[in-house]
Amino acid sequence: MEQLGADALLARLRQVHAMNPELEAIAVVSVEGVNMASFVPNDLNDQRLSAMSAAMVGLGERIVMELGRGSLDHLMIKGDYGFVLMMSVNDDAVLTSVVTAEAKLGLLLLDMRRAASDLAKMI
């Protein structure tokens, strides 16, 4: 991806981050697990986040298809200290957010959906 495109992706991720104080990390990754753009703290490995996100969305898509549940909207993983949310951007990319347990999930999903729509136009 050319640098201008990557800068535009990162700018959109920063906007989502600014609107959601509970958001600790956000990334857009290819379905192959390659980091396209990310806004993550230093203690989080963006390469690992990218690979895991692509794997989980691929598995989620297969599950809904095999079980006749339509197409995948989003995945949500809850842990003791928060959530990981994943959403398809298009056939080529995934948007992943890492948030605290205090996050307002409805608002975050809405922001992610809007961002995914914008990101799809940039990719």
N, C-alpha and C. Protein backbone atom coordinates (compact mmCIF):
# COMPACT_ATOMS: atom_id res chain seq x y z
N MET A 1 0.86 -1.18 0.00
CA MET A 1 0.00 0.00 0.00
C MET A 1 0.89 1.23 0.00
N GLU A 2 0.55 2.19 -0.81
CA GLU A 2 1.36 3.39 -0.88
C GLU A 2 1.23 4.19 0.41
N GLN A 3 2.24 5.02 0.71
CA GLN A 3 2.31 5.75 1.98
C GLN A 3 1.11 6.67 2.20
N LEU A 4 0.65 7.36 1.15
CA LEU A 4 -0.51 8.24 1.30
C LEU A 4 -1.73 7.47 1.78
N GLY A 5 -1.93 6.28 1.22
CA GLY A 5 -3.05 5.43 1.62
C GLY A 5 -2.93 4.99 3.06
N ALA A 6 -1.73 4.59 3.46
CA ALA A 6 -1.50 4.15 4.84
C ALA A 6 -1.71 5.31 5.81
N ASP A 7 -1.29 6.51 5.43
CA ASP A 7 -1.50 7.69 6.28
C ASP A 7 -2.98 7.99 6.45
N ALA A 8 -3.76 7.83 5.39
CA ALA A 8 -5.20 8.07 5.46
C ALA A 8 -5.88 7.05 6.36
N LEU A 9 -5.46 5.79 6.27
CA LEU A 9 -6.00 4.76 7.15
C LEU A 9 -5.70 5.08 8.61
N LEU A 10 -4.45 5.45 8.88
CA LEU A 10 -4.04 5.77 10.24
C LEU A 10 -4.79 6.98 10.77
N ALA A 11 -5.00 7.98 9.94
CA ALA A 11 -5.76 9.17 10.37
C ALA A 11 -7.17 8.78 10.78
N ARG A 12 -7.80 7.88 10.02
CA ARG A 12 -9.17 7.46 10.37
C ARG A 12 -9.18 6.66 11.66
N LEU A 13 -8.17 5.82 11.87
CA LEU A 13 -8.07 5.06 13.13
C LEU A 13 -7.89 6.00 14.32
N ARG A 14 -7.10 7.03 14.14
CA ARG A 14 -6.89 8.01 15.22
C ARG A 14 -8.20 8.74 15.56
N GLN A 15 -9.04 8.99 14.57
CA GLN A 15 -10.34 9.63 14.84
C GLN A 15 -11.21 8.74 15.72
N VAL A 16 -11.25 7.46 15.40
CA VAL A 16 -12.04 6.53 16.22
C VAL A 16 -11.48 6.48 17.63
N HIS A 17 -10.16 6.45 17.74
CA HIS A 17 -9.52 6.42 19.06
C HIS A 17 -9.86 7.67 19.87
N ALA A 18 -9.86 8.82 19.24
CA ALA A 18 -10.15 10.08 19.92
C ALA A 18 -11.59 10.13 20.44
N MET A 19 -12.51 9.46 19.76
CA MET A 19 -13.92 9.48 20.16
C MET A 19 -14.25 8.44 21.23
N ASN A 20 -13.34 7.52 21.50
CA ASN A 20 -13.59 6.42 22.42
C ASN A 20 -12.44 6.30 23.41
N PRO A 21 -12.54 6.95 24.57
CA PRO A 21 -11.42 6.94 25.52
C PRO A 21 -11.08 5.55 26.07
N GLU A 22 -12.02 4.62 26.01
CA GLU A 22 -11.75 3.26 26.50
C GLU A 22 -11.02 2.40 25.48
N LEU A 23 -10.84 2.94 24.30
CA LEU A 23 -10.17 2.22 23.21
C LEU A 23 -8.66 2.24 23.45
N GLU A 24 -8.08 1.07 23.64
CA GLU A 24 -6.64 0.97 23.90
C GLU A 24 -5.83 0.76 22.63
N ALA A 25 -6.40 0.08 21.66
CA ALA A 25 -5.69 -0.19 20.41
C ALA A 25 -6.71 -0.38 19.30
N ILE A 26 -6.31 0.00 18.09
CA ILE A 26 -7.17 -0.21 16.92
C ILE A 26 -6.26 -0.45 15.72
N ALA A 27 -6.68 -1.39 14.87
CA ALA A 27 -5.86 -1.73 13.72
C ALA A 27 -6.73 -2.16 12.55
N VAL A 28 -6.24 -1.90 11.36
CA VAL A 28 -6.85 -2.45 10.15
C VAL A 28 -5.79 -3.37 9.55
N VAL A 29 -6.21 -4.61 9.29
CA VAL A 29 -5.28 -5.63 8.82
C VAL A 29 -5.85 -6.34 7.61
N SER A 30 -4.98 -6.88 6.80
CA SER A 30 -5.44 -7.66 5.65
C SER A 30 -5.96 -9.01 6.14
N VAL A 31 -6.77 -9.65 5.31
CA VAL A 31 -7.30 -10.97 5.70
C VAL A 31 -6.19 -12.01 5.77
N GLU A 32 -5.03 -11.69 5.22
CA GLU A 32 -3.86 -12.58 5.35
C GLU A 32 -3.11 -12.33 6.65
N GLY A 33 -3.51 -11.31 7.42
CA GLY A 33 -2.87 -11.03 8.70
C GLY A 33 -1.76 -10.00 8.66
N VAL A 34 -1.68 -9.24 7.58
CA VAL A 34 -0.66 -8.20 7.45
C VAL A 34 -1.21 -6.87 7.98
N ASN A 35 -0.46 -6.22 8.84
CA ASN A 35 -0.86 -4.93 9.41
C ASN A 35 -0.84 -3.87 8.32
N MET A 36 -2.01 -3.24 8.08
CA MET A 36 -2.11 -2.17 7.09
C MET A 36 -1.94 -0.81 7.75
N ALA A 37 -2.49 -0.67 8.95
CA ALA A 37 -2.35 0.55 9.75
C ALA A 37 -2.79 0.21 11.16
N SER A 38 -2.13 0.80 12.15
CA SER A 38 -2.52 0.51 13.53
C SER A 38 -2.16 1.67 14.44
N PHE A 39 -2.93 1.78 15.49
CA PHE A 39 -2.70 2.75 16.55
C PHE A 39 -2.72 1.94 17.84
N VAL A 40 -1.54 1.50 18.27
CA VAL A 40 -1.45 0.58 19.41
C VAL A 40 -0.40 1.08 20.40
N PRO A 41 -0.58 0.75 21.69
CA PRO A 41 0.44 1.12 22.67
C PRO A 41 1.71 0.29 22.46
N ASN A 42 2.81 0.75 23.00
CA ASN A 42 4.09 0.08 22.81
C ASN A 42 4.13 -1.34 23.34
N ASP A 43 3.31 -1.64 24.35
CA ASP A 43 3.37 -2.97 24.95
C ASP A 43 2.54 -4.00 24.19
N LEU A 44 1.94 -3.61 23.10
CA LEU A 44 1.12 -4.53 22.30
C LEU A 44 1.81 -4.77 20.96
N ASN A 45 1.95 -6.01 20.60
CA ASN A 45 2.61 -6.37 19.34
C ASN A 45 1.60 -6.28 18.20
N ASP A 46 1.73 -5.29 17.35
CA ASP A 46 0.76 -5.09 16.27
C ASP A 46 0.80 -6.22 15.24
N GLN A 47 1.93 -6.85 15.06
CA GLN A 47 2.03 -7.98 14.13
C GLN A 47 1.21 -9.17 14.64
N ARG A 48 1.32 -9.44 15.92
CA ARG A 48 0.56 -10.54 16.53
C ARG A 48 -0.94 -10.23 16.50
N LEU A 49 -1.30 -8.99 16.82
CA LEU A 49 -2.70 -8.58 16.78
C LEU A 49 -3.26 -8.77 15.38
N SER A 50 -2.49 -8.41 14.37
CA SER A 50 -2.93 -8.55 12.98
C SER A 50 -3.17 -10.01 12.61
N ALA A 51 -2.23 -10.86 12.95
CA ALA A 51 -2.36 -12.28 12.60
C ALA A 51 -3.55 -12.92 13.31
N MET A 52 -3.72 -12.63 14.60
CA MET A 52 -4.83 -13.21 15.34
C MET A 52 -6.17 -12.70 14.83
N SER A 53 -6.24 -11.42 14.49
CA SER A 53 -7.49 -10.84 13.99
C SER A 53 -7.93 -11.50 12.69
N ALA A 54 -7.00 -11.66 11.77
CA ALA A 54 -7.33 -12.28 10.49
C ALA A 54 -7.79 -13.73 10.70
N ALA A 55 -7.11 -14.44 11.58
CA ALA A 55 -7.48 -15.83 11.85
C ALA A 55 -8.88 -15.93 12.46
N MET A 56 -9.18 -15.07 13.41
CA MET A 56 -10.49 -15.11 14.08
C MET A 56 -11.62 -14.72 13.13
N VAL A 57 -11.43 -13.71 12.32
CA VAL A 57 -12.49 -13.31 11.38
C VAL A 57 -12.70 -14.40 10.34
N GLY A 58 -11.63 -15.00 9.88
CA GLY A 58 -11.76 -16.11 8.93
C GLY A 58 -12.56 -17.26 9.54
N LEU A 59 -12.27 -17.60 10.78
CA LEU A 59 -13.00 -18.65 11.47
C LEU A 59 -14.45 -18.25 11.71
N GLY A 60 -14.67 -17.00 12.13
CA GLY A 60 -16.04 -16.51 12.35
C GLY A 60 -16.87 -16.57 11.08
N GLU A 61 -16.28 -16.17 9.96
CA GLU A 61 -17.00 -16.22 8.69
C GLU A 61 -17.36 -17.66 8.32
N ARG A 62 -16.44 -18.57 8.57
CA ARG A 62 -16.73 -19.98 8.26
C ARG A 62 -17.83 -20.52 9.16
N ILE A 63 -17.82 -20.16 10.43
CA ILE A 63 -18.84 -20.64 11.37
C ILE A 63 -20.23 -20.17 10.95
N VAL A 64 -20.39 -18.86 10.69
CA VAL A 64 -21.73 -18.38 10.33
C VAL A 64 -22.20 -18.98 9.01
N MET A 65 -21.28 -19.20 8.09
CA MET A 65 -21.65 -19.80 6.81
C MET A 65 -22.08 -21.25 7.02
N GLU A 66 -21.27 -22.02 7.73
CA GLU A 66 -21.56 -23.45 7.96
C GLU A 66 -22.86 -23.65 8.74
N LEU A 67 -23.17 -22.72 9.63
CA LEU A 67 -24.37 -22.85 10.46
C LEU A 67 -25.57 -22.12 9.88
N GLY A 68 -25.41 -21.57 8.68
CA GLY A 68 -26.52 -20.91 8.01
C GLY A 68 -27.00 -19.65 8.71
N ARG A 69 -26.07 -18.87 9.24
CA ARG A 69 -26.41 -17.65 9.97
C ARG A 69 -26.21 -16.39 9.15
N GLY A 70 -26.04 -16.51 7.85
CA GLY A 70 -25.85 -15.33 7.01
C GLY A 70 -24.39 -14.93 6.95
N SER A 71 -24.15 -13.64 6.83
CA SER A 71 -22.77 -13.16 6.76
C SER A 71 -22.35 -12.59 8.12
N LEU A 72 -21.07 -12.62 8.37
CA LEU A 72 -20.51 -12.16 9.65
C LEU A 72 -20.63 -10.65 9.78
N ASP A 73 -21.16 -10.19 10.89
CA ASP A 73 -21.22 -8.76 11.18
C ASP A 73 -20.00 -8.36 12.01
N HIS A 74 -19.85 -8.98 13.17
CA HIS A 74 -18.69 -8.69 14.01
C HIS A 74 -18.44 -9.84 14.97
N LEU A 75 -17.26 -9.86 15.53
CA LEU A 75 -16.89 -10.81 16.57
C LEU A 75 -16.58 -10.03 17.83
N MET A 76 -16.93 -10.60 18.97
CA MET A 76 -16.63 -9.97 20.25
C MET A 76 -16.05 -11.03 21.18
N ILE A 77 -14.89 -10.75 21.71
CA ILE A 77 -14.25 -11.63 22.67
C ILE A 77 -14.13 -10.87 23.98
N LYS A 78 -14.66 -11.47 25.05
CA LYS A 78 -14.63 -10.82 26.36
C LYS A 78 -13.63 -11.53 27.25
N GLY A 79 -12.78 -10.74 27.88
CA GLY A 79 -11.84 -11.25 28.86
C GLY A 79 -12.08 -10.56 30.19
N ASP A 80 -11.30 -10.90 31.18
CA ASP A 80 -11.44 -10.29 32.50
C ASP A 80 -11.27 -8.78 32.48
N TYR A 81 -10.43 -8.28 31.59
CA TYR A 81 -10.07 -6.86 31.61
C TYR A 81 -10.59 -6.06 30.42
N GLY A 82 -11.45 -6.67 29.62
CA GLY A 82 -11.99 -5.92 28.49
C GLY A 82 -12.37 -6.81 27.33
N PHE A 83 -12.46 -6.18 26.17
CA PHE A 83 -12.98 -6.84 24.97
C PHE A 83 -12.03 -6.65 23.79
N VAL A 84 -12.14 -7.58 22.86
CA VAL A 84 -11.53 -7.44 21.54
C VAL A 84 -12.68 -7.56 20.55
N LEU A 85 -12.84 -6.56 19.71
CA LEU A 85 -13.91 -6.52 18.72
C LEU A 85 -13.30 -6.55 17.33
N MET A 86 -13.87 -7.37 16.47
CA MET A 86 -13.38 -7.49 15.10
C MET A 86 -14.54 -7.37 14.14
N MET A 87 -14.30 -6.68 13.04
CA MET A 87 -15.35 -6.43 12.06
C MET A 87 -14.71 -6.43 10.67
N SER A 88 -15.37 -7.08 9.72
CA SER A 88 -14.86 -7.05 8.34
C SER A 88 -15.01 -5.65 7.77
N VAL A 89 -13.98 -5.19 7.09
CA VAL A 89 -14.02 -3.91 6.38
C VAL A 89 -14.54 -4.17 4.97
N ASN A 90 -13.97 -5.17 4.34
CA ASN A 90 -14.39 -5.65 3.02
C ASN A 90 -13.81 -7.05 2.86
N ASP A 91 -13.76 -7.57 1.66
CA ASP A 91 -13.23 -8.92 1.46
C ASP A 91 -11.73 -9.00 1.71
N ASP A 92 -11.07 -7.85 1.81
CA ASP A 92 -9.62 -7.82 1.93
C ASP A 92 -9.09 -7.38 3.29
N ALA A 93 -9.95 -6.85 4.18
CA ALA A 93 -9.44 -6.25 5.42
C ALA A 93 -10.39 -6.44 6.59
N VAL A 94 -9.80 -6.31 7.79
CA VAL A 94 -10.49 -6.48 9.06
C VAL A 94 -10.14 -5.29 9.95
N LEU A 95 -11.12 -4.80 10.70
CA LEU A 95 -10.90 -3.74 11.69
C LEU A 95 -10.98 -4.37 13.07
N THR A 96 -9.95 -4.17 13.89
CA THR A 96 -9.89 -4.75 15.23
C THR A 96 -9.70 -3.65 16.26
N SER A 97 -10.47 -3.74 17.35
CA SER A 97 -10.34 -2.80 18.47
C SER A 97 -10.13 -3.57 19.76
N VAL A 98 -9.26 -3.06 20.61
CA VAL A 98 -9.02 -3.61 21.94
C VAL A 98 -9.48 -2.54 22.92
N VAL A 99 -10.45 -2.88 23.78
CA VAL A 99 -11.06 -1.89 24.67
C VAL A 99 -11.12 -2.40 26.11
N THR A 100 -11.23 -1.46 27.03
CA THR A 100 -11.36 -1.79 28.44
C THR A 100 -12.75 -2.35 28.73
N ALA A 101 -12.90 -2.90 29.92
CA ALA A 101 -14.19 -3.47 30.34
C ALA A 101 -15.26 -2.40 30.49
N GLU A 102 -14.87 -1.14 30.65
CA GLU A 102 -15.81 -0.04 30.83
C GLU A 102 -16.34 0.54 29.52
N ALA A 103 -15.89 0.02 28.42
CA ALA A 103 -16.27 0.57 27.11
C ALA A 103 -17.77 0.49 26.88
N LYS A 104 -18.29 1.50 26.22
CA LYS A 104 -19.69 1.52 25.80
C LYS A 104 -19.75 0.81 24.45
N LEU A 105 -20.04 -0.47 24.50
CA LEU A 105 -19.90 -1.31 23.31
C LEU A 105 -20.81 -0.90 22.16
N GLY A 106 -22.02 -0.48 22.45
CA GLY A 106 -22.93 -0.06 21.39
C GLY A 106 -22.37 1.11 20.60
N LEU A 107 -21.87 2.11 21.32
CA LEU A 107 -21.29 3.28 20.65
C LEU A 107 -20.03 2.91 19.89
N LEU A 108 -19.21 2.07 20.49
CA LEU A 108 -17.98 1.66 19.83
C LEU A 108 -18.28 0.88 18.55
N LEU A 109 -19.24 -0.04 18.61
CA LEU A 109 -19.60 -0.79 17.40
C LEU A 109 -20.12 0.14 16.31
N LEU A 110 -20.88 1.14 16.69
CA LEU A 110 -21.36 2.12 15.71
C LEU A 110 -20.19 2.87 15.09
N ASP A 111 -19.25 3.33 15.91
CA ASP A 111 -18.07 4.02 15.40
C ASP A 111 -17.23 3.10 14.51
N MET A 112 -17.11 1.84 14.91
CA MET A 112 -16.35 0.89 14.11
C MET A 112 -17.03 0.65 12.75
N ARG A 113 -18.36 0.55 12.77
CA ARG A 113 -19.09 0.31 11.52
C ARG A 113 -18.90 1.49 10.56
N ARG A 114 -18.98 2.70 11.09
CA ARG A 114 -18.76 3.89 10.26
C ARG A 114 -17.32 3.92 9.75
N ALA A 115 -16.37 3.61 10.63
CA ALA A 115 -14.97 3.60 10.21
C ALA A 115 -14.73 2.52 9.16
N ALA A 116 -15.32 1.35 9.35
CA ALA A 116 -15.15 0.27 8.38
C ALA A 116 -15.65 0.69 7.00
N SER A 117 -16.76 1.39 6.98
CA SER A 117 -17.29 1.89 5.70
C SER A 117 -16.32 2.88 5.06
N ASP A 118 -15.76 3.78 5.86
CA ASP A 118 -14.78 4.74 5.34
C ASP A 118 -13.50 4.04 4.88
N LEU A 119 -13.03 3.08 5.67
CA LEU A 119 -11.81 2.38 5.36
C LEU A 119 -11.96 1.57 4.07
N ALA A 120 -13.14 0.99 3.85
CA ALA A 120 -13.38 0.21 2.64
C ALA A 120 -13.19 1.06 1.39
N LYS A 121 -13.53 2.33 1.48
CA LYS A 121 -13.37 3.24 0.34
C LYS A 121 -11.90 3.61 0.11
N MET A 122 -11.08 3.50 1.16
CA MET A 122 -9.67 3.87 1.07
C MET A 122 -8.78 2.72 0.60
N ILE A 123 -9.25 1.52 0.80
CA ILE A 123 -8.41 0.34 0.51
C ILE A 123 -8.58 -0.09 -0.95
